[in-house]
Amino acid sequence: MPNPRDTVRVWDPAQRILHWVLVISVALAWWAGEGRLALHVRVGYVALAIVVVRIVWGLFGSRHARFSDFVFGPRAVLGYVKRIAAGREERHLGHNPLGGWMVLLLLACLAVVCVSGFLYTTDAFWGVEWVEETHRVSAWTLVGLIAAHVAGVIFTSIRHRENLVAAMFSGRKRSAFDGHD
């Protein structure tokens, strides 16, 4: 772990709390499944509330929480992918261009999972096949996105010799840029 004097605060407490409570909510919802439906529904509501708060925080929150800090256009993302392939991608204090789009994909997918799950609990949509199928497909899509997110975190942590999971707990990343940044 780097010396705290050589680090900078990147992830604010709200962002970190939202992230880890969302991780727990999604894991609990997955574990609960249909067999523990009451818990599944409750943590689904928690996840939806977090998505809404995270979107608001992405518009009005601290610097590195704001979408404007990490959502890059297609040209910038493609350039970043090319630099990764060449082993010359730059380090970002906040989300890198791929990580930024992953945040958007995860939030959008979670919104679809949660809203379709909510609709399925209403009298109007109970038993409606397309609602159930939307919930199931979006839930499995979320699993794939989570796997890609975790793989990206591991890849980036190794590539930049920086523990991003620890940074999401502490809120701090090293500030100095060395030859691999």
N, C-alpha and C. Protein backbone atom coordinates (compact mmCIF):
# COMPACT_ATOMS: atom_id res chain seq x y z
N MET A 1 0.85 -1.19 0.00
CA MET A 1 0.00 0.00 0.00
C MET A 1 0.89 1.24 0.00
N PRO A 2 0.58 2.22 -0.87
CA PRO A 2 1.42 3.41 -0.92
C PRO A 2 1.31 4.24 0.35
N ASN A 3 2.33 5.02 0.60
CA ASN A 3 2.34 5.94 1.72
C ASN A 3 1.21 6.94 1.53
N PRO A 4 0.38 7.19 2.58
CA PRO A 4 -0.73 8.14 2.43
C PRO A 4 -0.31 9.52 1.95
N ARG A 5 0.94 9.92 2.24
CA ARG A 5 1.42 11.23 1.76
C ARG A 5 1.58 11.24 0.24
N ASP A 6 1.71 10.06 -0.36
CA ASP A 6 1.90 9.96 -1.81
C ASP A 6 0.60 9.63 -2.54
N THR A 7 -0.54 9.80 -1.84
CA THR A 7 -1.83 9.47 -2.45
C THR A 7 -2.70 10.72 -2.50
N VAL A 8 -3.75 10.59 -3.26
CA VAL A 8 -4.74 11.66 -3.39
C VAL A 8 -6.12 11.03 -3.26
N ARG A 9 -7.04 11.76 -2.63
CA ARG A 9 -8.41 11.25 -2.52
C ARG A 9 -9.08 11.37 -3.88
N VAL A 10 -9.61 10.25 -4.35
CA VAL A 10 -10.28 10.21 -5.64
C VAL A 10 -11.76 9.91 -5.46
N TRP A 11 -12.06 8.83 -4.77
CA TRP A 11 -13.45 8.39 -4.61
C TRP A 11 -13.99 8.93 -3.29
N ASP A 12 -15.03 9.73 -3.36
CA ASP A 12 -15.61 10.31 -2.15
C ASP A 12 -16.39 9.25 -1.37
N PRO A 13 -16.67 9.51 -0.08
CA PRO A 13 -17.38 8.51 0.73
C PRO A 13 -18.74 8.11 0.16
N ALA A 14 -19.49 9.06 -0.37
CA ALA A 14 -20.81 8.72 -0.92
C ALA A 14 -20.67 7.73 -2.07
N GLN A 15 -19.73 7.99 -2.95
CA GLN A 15 -19.50 7.11 -4.10
C GLN A 15 -19.12 5.71 -3.65
N ARG A 16 -18.24 5.62 -2.67
CA ARG A 16 -17.78 4.31 -2.20
C ARG A 16 -18.89 3.56 -1.48
N ILE A 17 -19.66 4.25 -0.66
CA ILE A 17 -20.77 3.61 0.05
C ILE A 17 -21.81 3.12 -0.95
N LEU A 18 -22.16 3.96 -1.91
CA LEU A 18 -23.13 3.54 -2.93
C LEU A 18 -22.63 2.31 -3.68
N HIS A 19 -21.35 2.32 -4.04
CA HIS A 19 -20.77 1.18 -4.77
C HIS A 19 -20.90 -0.11 -3.97
N TRP A 20 -20.43 -0.10 -2.72
CA TRP A 20 -20.39 -1.34 -1.95
C TRP A 20 -21.77 -1.80 -1.50
N VAL A 21 -22.68 -0.86 -1.21
CA VAL A 21 -24.05 -1.28 -0.88
C VAL A 21 -24.73 -1.85 -2.12
N LEU A 22 -24.42 -1.31 -3.28
CA LEU A 22 -24.96 -1.87 -4.52
C LEU A 22 -24.41 -3.28 -4.77
N VAL A 23 -23.13 -3.47 -4.55
CA VAL A 23 -22.53 -4.80 -4.69
C VAL A 23 -23.26 -5.79 -3.77
N ILE A 24 -23.46 -5.41 -2.53
CA ILE A 24 -24.13 -6.28 -1.56
C ILE A 24 -25.58 -6.53 -1.99
N SER A 25 -26.26 -5.48 -2.44
CA SER A 25 -27.66 -5.63 -2.86
C SER A 25 -27.80 -6.59 -4.03
N VAL A 26 -26.95 -6.43 -5.03
CA VAL A 26 -27.02 -7.30 -6.20
C VAL A 26 -26.69 -8.74 -5.81
N ALA A 27 -25.67 -8.91 -4.98
CA ALA A 27 -25.29 -10.25 -4.54
C ALA A 27 -26.43 -10.90 -3.74
N LEU A 28 -27.04 -10.13 -2.85
CA LEU A 28 -28.16 -10.67 -2.06
C LEU A 28 -29.36 -11.01 -2.95
N ALA A 29 -29.66 -10.14 -3.91
CA ALA A 29 -30.79 -10.41 -4.82
C ALA A 29 -30.53 -11.68 -5.61
N TRP A 30 -29.29 -11.84 -6.06
CA TRP A 30 -28.94 -13.05 -6.82
C TRP A 30 -29.07 -14.29 -5.94
N TRP A 31 -28.53 -14.20 -4.72
CA TRP A 31 -28.59 -15.32 -3.79
C TRP A 31 -30.03 -15.65 -3.42
N ALA A 32 -30.84 -14.62 -3.18
CA ALA A 32 -32.23 -14.82 -2.75
C ALA A 32 -33.07 -15.46 -3.85
N GLY A 33 -32.89 -14.98 -5.08
CA GLY A 33 -33.64 -15.54 -6.20
C GLY A 33 -35.13 -15.59 -5.94
N GLU A 34 -35.79 -16.53 -6.57
CA GLU A 34 -37.23 -16.68 -6.38
C GLU A 34 -37.56 -17.42 -5.08
N GLY A 35 -36.60 -18.17 -4.56
CA GLY A 35 -36.84 -18.94 -3.35
C GLY A 35 -37.00 -18.09 -2.11
N ARG A 36 -36.43 -16.91 -2.11
CA ARG A 36 -36.54 -15.96 -0.99
C ARG A 36 -37.04 -14.65 -1.58
N LEU A 37 -38.22 -14.72 -2.17
CA LEU A 37 -38.74 -13.63 -2.99
C LEU A 37 -38.87 -12.32 -2.22
N ALA A 38 -39.29 -12.35 -0.97
CA ALA A 38 -39.45 -11.11 -0.20
C ALA A 38 -38.11 -10.37 -0.08
N LEU A 39 -37.05 -11.10 0.22
CA LEU A 39 -35.72 -10.49 0.30
C LEU A 39 -35.28 -10.00 -1.07
N HIS A 40 -35.50 -10.81 -2.10
CA HIS A 40 -35.14 -10.45 -3.46
C HIS A 40 -35.78 -9.11 -3.85
N VAL A 41 -37.06 -8.96 -3.55
CA VAL A 41 -37.78 -7.73 -3.89
C VAL A 41 -37.23 -6.55 -3.09
N ARG A 42 -37.03 -6.75 -1.79
CA ARG A 42 -36.53 -5.65 -0.94
C ARG A 42 -35.17 -5.15 -1.40
N VAL A 43 -34.24 -6.05 -1.64
CA VAL A 43 -32.91 -5.59 -2.07
C VAL A 43 -32.96 -5.05 -3.50
N GLY A 44 -33.93 -5.49 -4.29
CA GLY A 44 -34.14 -4.89 -5.60
C GLY A 44 -34.53 -3.42 -5.48
N TYR A 45 -35.38 -3.11 -4.53
CA TYR A 45 -35.75 -1.70 -4.28
C TYR A 45 -34.54 -0.91 -3.81
N VAL A 46 -33.72 -1.51 -2.96
CA VAL A 46 -32.50 -0.83 -2.51
C VAL A 46 -31.60 -0.55 -3.71
N ALA A 47 -31.42 -1.54 -4.58
CA ALA A 47 -30.57 -1.37 -5.76
C ALA A 47 -31.11 -0.26 -6.66
N LEU A 48 -32.42 -0.23 -6.87
CA LEU A 48 -33.01 0.81 -7.71
C LEU A 48 -32.81 2.18 -7.09
N ALA A 49 -32.98 2.29 -5.79
CA ALA A 49 -32.75 3.57 -5.11
C ALA A 49 -31.30 4.02 -5.29
N ILE A 50 -30.37 3.08 -5.17
CA ILE A 50 -28.95 3.42 -5.35
C ILE A 50 -28.68 3.88 -6.77
N VAL A 51 -29.28 3.23 -7.76
CA VAL A 51 -29.10 3.65 -9.16
C VAL A 51 -29.57 5.09 -9.32
N VAL A 52 -30.72 5.42 -8.77
CA VAL A 52 -31.25 6.78 -8.88
C VAL A 52 -30.31 7.78 -8.20
N VAL A 53 -29.88 7.45 -6.98
CA VAL A 53 -28.98 8.35 -6.26
C VAL A 53 -27.65 8.48 -7.00
N ARG A 54 -27.15 7.38 -7.56
CA ARG A 54 -25.87 7.43 -8.27
C ARG A 54 -25.97 8.29 -9.53
N ILE A 55 -27.11 8.25 -10.19
CA ILE A 55 -27.30 9.11 -11.36
C ILE A 55 -27.29 10.58 -10.93
N VAL A 56 -27.98 10.90 -9.86
CA VAL A 56 -27.97 12.27 -9.35
C VAL A 56 -26.55 12.66 -8.95
N TRP A 57 -25.85 11.75 -8.25
CA TRP A 57 -24.47 12.03 -7.83
C TRP A 57 -23.55 12.15 -9.05
N GLY A 58 -23.87 11.46 -10.12
CA GLY A 58 -23.09 11.58 -11.35
C GLY A 58 -23.27 12.93 -12.03
N LEU A 59 -24.34 13.60 -11.71
CA LEU A 59 -24.58 14.94 -12.27
C LEU A 59 -24.09 16.06 -11.35
N PHE A 60 -24.20 15.84 -10.03
CA PHE A 60 -23.95 16.93 -9.09
C PHE A 60 -22.91 16.60 -8.03
N GLY A 61 -22.33 15.42 -8.05
CA GLY A 61 -21.41 14.99 -7.00
C GLY A 61 -20.02 15.57 -7.13
N SER A 62 -19.10 14.95 -6.43
CA SER A 62 -17.71 15.39 -6.43
C SER A 62 -17.08 15.15 -7.81
N ARG A 63 -15.91 15.72 -8.01
CA ARG A 63 -15.27 15.73 -9.33
C ARG A 63 -15.24 14.36 -10.01
N HIS A 64 -14.65 13.37 -9.36
CA HIS A 64 -14.48 12.07 -10.02
C HIS A 64 -15.75 11.23 -10.01
N ALA A 65 -16.79 11.69 -9.32
CA ALA A 65 -18.08 11.00 -9.35
C ALA A 65 -18.93 11.46 -10.53
N ARG A 66 -18.61 12.61 -11.08
CA ARG A 66 -19.43 13.20 -12.14
C ARG A 66 -19.19 12.51 -13.49
N PHE A 67 -20.28 12.27 -14.18
CA PHE A 67 -20.19 11.66 -15.51
C PHE A 67 -19.31 12.50 -16.43
N SER A 68 -19.36 13.80 -16.28
CA SER A 68 -18.56 14.68 -17.13
C SER A 68 -17.06 14.46 -16.96
N ASP A 69 -16.66 13.84 -15.85
CA ASP A 69 -15.25 13.56 -15.59
C ASP A 69 -14.78 12.28 -16.28
N PHE A 70 -15.71 11.35 -16.56
CA PHE A 70 -15.25 10.05 -17.05
C PHE A 70 -16.01 9.46 -18.22
N VAL A 71 -17.00 10.14 -18.72
CA VAL A 71 -17.69 9.62 -19.91
C VAL A 71 -17.09 10.33 -21.12
N PHE A 72 -16.37 9.55 -21.91
CA PHE A 72 -15.67 10.04 -23.08
C PHE A 72 -16.43 9.62 -24.34
N GLY A 73 -16.23 10.34 -25.42
CA GLY A 73 -16.88 10.01 -26.68
C GLY A 73 -16.27 8.79 -27.34
N PRO A 74 -16.92 8.27 -28.38
CA PRO A 74 -16.46 7.05 -29.05
C PRO A 74 -15.02 7.14 -29.57
N ARG A 75 -14.62 8.27 -30.12
CA ARG A 75 -13.27 8.41 -30.65
C ARG A 75 -12.23 8.26 -29.53
N ALA A 76 -12.49 8.88 -28.39
CA ALA A 76 -11.56 8.79 -27.26
C ALA A 76 -11.50 7.36 -26.73
N VAL A 77 -12.64 6.69 -26.68
CA VAL A 77 -12.68 5.30 -26.18
C VAL A 77 -11.92 4.39 -27.14
N LEU A 78 -12.14 4.54 -28.43
CA LEU A 78 -11.43 3.72 -29.41
C LEU A 78 -9.93 3.97 -29.33
N GLY A 79 -9.53 5.22 -29.19
CA GLY A 79 -8.10 5.53 -29.05
C GLY A 79 -7.52 4.88 -27.81
N TYR A 80 -8.29 4.88 -26.72
CA TYR A 80 -7.83 4.25 -25.49
C TYR A 80 -7.67 2.74 -25.68
N VAL A 81 -8.63 2.12 -26.36
CA VAL A 81 -8.55 0.67 -26.64
C VAL A 81 -7.30 0.37 -27.47
N LYS A 82 -7.01 1.20 -28.45
CA LYS A 82 -5.81 1.00 -29.28
C LYS A 82 -4.54 1.13 -28.43
N ARG A 83 -4.53 2.08 -27.50
CA ARG A 83 -3.36 2.24 -26.63
C ARG A 83 -3.22 1.05 -25.67
N ILE A 84 -4.33 0.49 -25.22
CA ILE A 84 -4.27 -0.72 -24.39
C ILE A 84 -3.63 -1.85 -25.20
N ALA A 85 -4.11 -2.03 -26.43
CA ALA A 85 -3.58 -3.11 -27.28
C ALA A 85 -2.09 -2.93 -27.52
N ALA A 86 -1.63 -1.69 -27.57
CA ALA A 86 -0.21 -1.41 -27.79
C ALA A 86 0.57 -1.39 -26.47
N GLY A 87 -0.13 -1.55 -25.34
CA GLY A 87 0.53 -1.53 -24.04
C GLY A 87 0.98 -0.13 -23.63
N ARG A 88 0.31 0.90 -24.13
CA ARG A 88 0.72 2.28 -23.83
C ARG A 88 -0.42 3.14 -23.31
N GLU A 89 -1.44 2.52 -22.73
CA GLU A 89 -2.56 3.32 -22.24
C GLU A 89 -2.13 4.14 -21.02
N GLU A 90 -2.69 5.32 -20.93
CA GLU A 90 -2.39 6.20 -19.80
C GLU A 90 -3.22 5.80 -18.58
N ARG A 91 -2.69 6.12 -17.43
CA ARG A 91 -3.40 5.89 -16.17
C ARG A 91 -4.31 7.08 -15.91
N HIS A 92 -5.47 6.79 -15.37
CA HIS A 92 -6.44 7.83 -15.02
C HIS A 92 -6.65 7.80 -13.52
N LEU A 93 -6.71 8.97 -12.89
CA LEU A 93 -7.04 8.99 -11.47
C LEU A 93 -8.47 8.52 -11.25
N GLY A 94 -9.40 9.01 -12.06
CA GLY A 94 -10.77 8.54 -11.99
C GLY A 94 -10.95 7.35 -12.92
N HIS A 95 -12.16 7.17 -13.43
CA HIS A 95 -12.41 6.08 -14.36
C HIS A 95 -11.72 6.34 -15.69
N ASN A 96 -11.17 5.29 -16.28
CA ASN A 96 -10.62 5.43 -17.62
C ASN A 96 -11.78 5.40 -18.62
N PRO A 97 -11.55 5.68 -19.91
CA PRO A 97 -12.65 5.73 -20.87
C PRO A 97 -13.50 4.46 -20.94
N LEU A 98 -12.89 3.30 -20.84
CA LEU A 98 -13.68 2.05 -20.84
C LEU A 98 -14.45 1.90 -19.53
N GLY A 99 -13.80 2.22 -18.43
CA GLY A 99 -14.46 2.14 -17.13
C GLY A 99 -15.65 3.08 -17.04
N GLY A 100 -15.54 4.25 -17.65
CA GLY A 100 -16.64 5.20 -17.66
C GLY A 100 -17.87 4.64 -18.37
N TRP A 101 -17.64 4.02 -19.52
CA TRP A 101 -18.77 3.42 -20.23
C TRP A 101 -19.31 2.20 -19.50
N MET A 102 -18.44 1.49 -18.78
CA MET A 102 -18.92 0.36 -17.98
C MET A 102 -19.86 0.85 -16.89
N VAL A 103 -19.52 1.97 -16.26
CA VAL A 103 -20.42 2.54 -15.23
C VAL A 103 -21.80 2.80 -15.83
N LEU A 104 -21.83 3.42 -17.01
CA LEU A 104 -23.11 3.71 -17.65
C LEU A 104 -23.88 2.44 -18.00
N LEU A 105 -23.17 1.46 -18.54
CA LEU A 105 -23.83 0.19 -18.88
C LEU A 105 -24.38 -0.52 -17.65
N LEU A 106 -23.58 -0.54 -16.58
CA LEU A 106 -24.05 -1.19 -15.35
C LEU A 106 -25.27 -0.48 -14.78
N LEU A 107 -25.24 0.85 -14.74
CA LEU A 107 -26.39 1.59 -14.21
C LEU A 107 -27.63 1.38 -15.07
N ALA A 108 -27.47 1.42 -16.39
CA ALA A 108 -28.61 1.22 -17.29
C ALA A 108 -29.18 -0.18 -17.15
N CYS A 109 -28.30 -1.17 -17.12
CA CYS A 109 -28.75 -2.55 -16.99
C CYS A 109 -29.44 -2.78 -15.65
N LEU A 110 -28.85 -2.24 -14.59
CA LEU A 110 -29.48 -2.35 -13.27
C LEU A 110 -30.85 -1.71 -13.26
N ALA A 111 -30.99 -0.56 -13.91
CA ALA A 111 -32.29 0.11 -13.98
C ALA A 111 -33.32 -0.80 -14.66
N VAL A 112 -32.92 -1.44 -15.76
CA VAL A 112 -33.83 -2.34 -16.47
C VAL A 112 -34.19 -3.54 -15.59
N VAL A 113 -33.20 -4.12 -14.93
CA VAL A 113 -33.45 -5.26 -14.04
C VAL A 113 -34.44 -4.86 -12.95
N CYS A 114 -34.18 -3.75 -12.30
CA CYS A 114 -35.01 -3.32 -11.17
C CYS A 114 -36.41 -2.91 -11.60
N VAL A 115 -36.53 -2.14 -12.66
CA VAL A 115 -37.85 -1.69 -13.11
C VAL A 115 -38.67 -2.88 -13.61
N SER A 116 -38.05 -3.78 -14.37
CA SER A 116 -38.80 -4.94 -14.84
C SER A 116 -39.19 -5.84 -13.67
N GLY A 117 -38.32 -5.95 -12.68
CA GLY A 117 -38.66 -6.72 -11.48
C GLY A 117 -39.81 -6.09 -10.73
N PHE A 118 -39.79 -4.76 -10.59
CA PHE A 118 -40.89 -4.06 -9.94
C PHE A 118 -42.19 -4.28 -10.71
N LEU A 119 -42.14 -4.09 -12.04
CA LEU A 119 -43.35 -4.27 -12.84
C LEU A 119 -43.94 -5.66 -12.66
N TYR A 120 -43.07 -6.64 -12.54
CA TYR A 120 -43.53 -8.02 -12.41
C TYR A 120 -44.26 -8.26 -11.09
N THR A 121 -44.05 -7.37 -10.11
CA THR A 121 -44.75 -7.52 -8.83
C THR A 121 -46.10 -6.83 -8.81
N THR A 122 -46.43 -6.10 -9.87
CA THR A 122 -47.71 -5.39 -9.92
C THR A 122 -48.80 -6.28 -10.52
N ASP A 123 -50.04 -5.98 -10.17
CA ASP A 123 -51.16 -6.74 -10.72
C ASP A 123 -51.23 -6.62 -12.24
N ALA A 124 -50.90 -5.45 -12.75
CA ALA A 124 -51.01 -5.21 -14.20
C ALA A 124 -50.02 -6.05 -15.01
N PHE A 125 -48.87 -6.35 -14.43
CA PHE A 125 -47.82 -7.04 -15.19
C PHE A 125 -47.46 -8.43 -14.65
N TRP A 126 -48.13 -8.87 -13.59
CA TRP A 126 -47.86 -10.20 -13.04
C TRP A 126 -48.20 -11.26 -14.09
N GLY A 127 -47.22 -12.11 -14.40
CA GLY A 127 -47.43 -13.18 -15.36
C GLY A 127 -47.29 -12.77 -16.81
N VAL A 128 -46.98 -11.51 -17.08
CA VAL A 128 -46.79 -11.05 -18.46
C VAL A 128 -45.41 -11.52 -18.92
N GLU A 129 -45.41 -12.31 -19.99
CA GLU A 129 -44.19 -12.99 -20.41
C GLU A 129 -43.05 -12.04 -20.76
N TRP A 130 -43.33 -10.95 -21.50
CA TRP A 130 -42.24 -10.07 -21.91
C TRP A 130 -41.60 -9.37 -20.72
N VAL A 131 -42.37 -9.12 -19.66
CA VAL A 131 -41.80 -8.48 -18.46
C VAL A 131 -40.88 -9.47 -17.76
N GLU A 132 -41.34 -10.70 -17.61
CA GLU A 132 -40.52 -11.73 -16.97
C GLU A 132 -39.25 -11.99 -17.79
N GLU A 133 -39.40 -12.06 -19.10
CA GLU A 133 -38.24 -12.31 -19.97
C GLU A 133 -37.26 -11.14 -19.93
N THR A 134 -37.77 -9.92 -19.91
CA THR A 134 -36.91 -8.74 -19.80
C THR A 134 -36.12 -8.79 -18.50
N HIS A 135 -36.79 -9.16 -17.42
CA HIS A 135 -36.12 -9.25 -16.13
C HIS A 135 -35.03 -10.32 -16.16
N ARG A 136 -35.35 -11.47 -16.70
CA ARG A 136 -34.40 -12.58 -16.75
C ARG A 136 -33.20 -12.25 -17.65
N VAL A 137 -33.45 -11.74 -18.85
CA VAL A 137 -32.37 -11.43 -19.79
C VAL A 137 -31.50 -10.31 -19.24
N SER A 138 -32.12 -9.28 -18.70
CA SER A 138 -31.32 -8.17 -18.16
C SER A 138 -30.52 -8.60 -16.93
N ALA A 139 -31.06 -9.52 -16.14
CA ALA A 139 -30.32 -10.02 -14.97
C ALA A 139 -29.08 -10.80 -15.43
N TRP A 140 -29.24 -11.64 -16.45
CA TRP A 140 -28.08 -12.37 -16.97
C TRP A 140 -27.09 -11.44 -17.68
N THR A 141 -27.61 -10.42 -18.33
CA THR A 141 -26.73 -9.41 -18.94
C THR A 141 -25.93 -8.71 -17.85
N LEU A 142 -26.59 -8.41 -16.73
CA LEU A 142 -25.90 -7.79 -15.60
C LEU A 142 -24.78 -8.68 -15.09
N VAL A 143 -25.01 -9.98 -15.02
CA VAL A 143 -23.96 -10.91 -14.59
C VAL A 143 -22.75 -10.80 -15.52
N GLY A 144 -23.01 -10.77 -16.82
CA GLY A 144 -21.91 -10.63 -17.78
C GLY A 144 -21.18 -9.31 -17.64
N LEU A 145 -21.93 -8.23 -17.44
CA LEU A 145 -21.30 -6.92 -17.26
C LEU A 145 -20.47 -6.88 -15.98
N ILE A 146 -20.97 -7.49 -14.92
CA ILE A 146 -20.21 -7.54 -13.67
C ILE A 146 -18.91 -8.31 -13.87
N ALA A 147 -18.99 -9.43 -14.58
CA ALA A 147 -17.78 -10.21 -14.85
C ALA A 147 -16.78 -9.37 -15.66
N ALA A 148 -17.26 -8.64 -16.65
CA ALA A 148 -16.38 -7.79 -17.45
C ALA A 148 -15.80 -6.66 -16.59
N HIS A 149 -16.62 -6.11 -15.72
CA HIS A 149 -16.16 -5.04 -14.82
C HIS A 149 -15.04 -5.55 -13.91
N VAL A 150 -15.26 -6.69 -13.29
CA VAL A 150 -14.25 -7.27 -12.40
C VAL A 150 -12.97 -7.59 -13.18
N ALA A 151 -13.13 -8.15 -14.38
CA ALA A 151 -11.95 -8.44 -15.21
C ALA A 151 -11.20 -7.16 -15.56
N GLY A 152 -11.93 -6.09 -15.87
CA GLY A 152 -11.30 -4.82 -16.17
C GLY A 152 -10.56 -4.24 -14.97
N VAL A 153 -11.14 -4.38 -13.80
CA VAL A 153 -10.49 -3.90 -12.57
C VAL A 153 -9.21 -4.69 -12.31
N ILE A 154 -9.27 -6.00 -12.47
CA ILE A 154 -8.08 -6.83 -12.27
C ILE A 154 -7.01 -6.47 -13.31
N PHE A 155 -7.40 -6.39 -14.58
CA PHE A 155 -6.45 -6.05 -15.64
C PHE A 155 -5.78 -4.71 -15.37
N THR A 156 -6.59 -3.70 -15.06
CA THR A 156 -6.05 -2.36 -14.84
C THR A 156 -5.19 -2.31 -13.58
N SER A 157 -5.61 -3.03 -12.54
CA SER A 157 -4.81 -3.08 -11.31
C SER A 157 -3.43 -3.66 -11.58
N ILE A 158 -3.39 -4.73 -12.34
CA ILE A 158 -2.11 -5.37 -12.68
C ILE A 158 -1.30 -4.46 -13.60
N ARG A 159 -1.94 -3.96 -14.63
CA ARG A 159 -1.24 -3.16 -15.63
C ARG A 159 -0.62 -1.90 -15.04
N HIS A 160 -1.33 -1.27 -14.12
CA HIS A 160 -0.83 -0.01 -13.53
C HIS A 160 -0.26 -0.19 -12.12
N ARG A 161 -0.13 -1.46 -11.73
CA ARG A 161 0.43 -1.78 -10.41
C ARG A 161 -0.24 -0.97 -9.30
N GLU A 162 -1.57 -1.08 -9.28
CA GLU A 162 -2.36 -0.30 -8.33
C GLU A 162 -3.60 -1.11 -7.95
N ASN A 163 -3.82 -1.28 -6.67
CA ASN A 163 -4.95 -2.07 -6.19
C ASN A 163 -6.22 -1.21 -6.23
N LEU A 164 -7.00 -1.38 -7.29
CA LEU A 164 -8.21 -0.57 -7.44
C LEU A 164 -9.30 -0.95 -6.46
N VAL A 165 -9.33 -2.20 -6.02
CA VAL A 165 -10.31 -2.60 -5.01
C VAL A 165 -10.01 -1.88 -3.69
N ALA A 166 -8.74 -1.87 -3.30
CA ALA A 166 -8.36 -1.15 -2.08
C ALA A 166 -8.69 0.33 -2.22
N ALA A 167 -8.47 0.89 -3.41
CA ALA A 167 -8.79 2.30 -3.64
C ALA A 167 -10.28 2.57 -3.48
N MET A 168 -11.11 1.61 -3.86
CA MET A 168 -12.55 1.80 -3.71
C MET A 168 -12.99 1.69 -2.25
N PHE A 169 -12.17 1.08 -1.41
CA PHE A 169 -12.44 1.09 0.03
C PHE A 169 -11.89 2.35 0.69
N SER A 170 -10.66 2.71 0.36
CA SER A 170 -10.00 3.85 1.02
C SER A 170 -10.36 5.19 0.40
N GLY A 171 -10.70 5.16 -0.88
CA GLY A 171 -10.96 6.39 -1.60
C GLY A 171 -9.71 7.04 -2.16
N ARG A 172 -8.55 6.42 -1.92
CA ARG A 172 -7.27 7.04 -2.29
C ARG A 172 -6.55 6.22 -3.35
N LYS A 173 -5.85 6.95 -4.23
CA LYS A 173 -4.97 6.33 -5.22
C LYS A 173 -3.65 7.07 -5.19
N ARG A 174 -2.62 6.42 -5.66
CA ARG A 174 -1.32 7.10 -5.66
C ARG A 174 -1.38 8.29 -6.61
N SER A 175 -0.73 9.35 -6.20
CA SER A 175 -0.79 10.58 -6.99
C SER A 175 0.34 10.67 -7.99
N ALA A 176 1.49 10.07 -7.66
CA ALA A 176 2.65 10.18 -8.54
C ALA A 176 2.44 9.34 -9.79
N PHE A 177 2.87 9.87 -10.90
CA PHE A 177 2.82 9.14 -12.15
C PHE A 177 4.24 8.66 -12.45
N ASP A 178 4.40 7.34 -12.54
CA ASP A 178 5.71 6.81 -12.90
C ASP A 178 5.71 6.45 -14.38
N GLY A 179 6.66 5.73 -14.81
CA GLY A 179 6.79 5.40 -16.23
C GLY A 179 5.67 4.57 -16.78
N HIS A 180 4.85 3.95 -15.92
CA HIS A 180 3.74 3.11 -16.38
C HIS A 180 2.41 3.84 -16.33
N ASP A 181 2.43 5.11 -16.05
CA ASP A 181 1.17 5.86 -15.93
C ASP A 181 0.71 6.42 -17.25
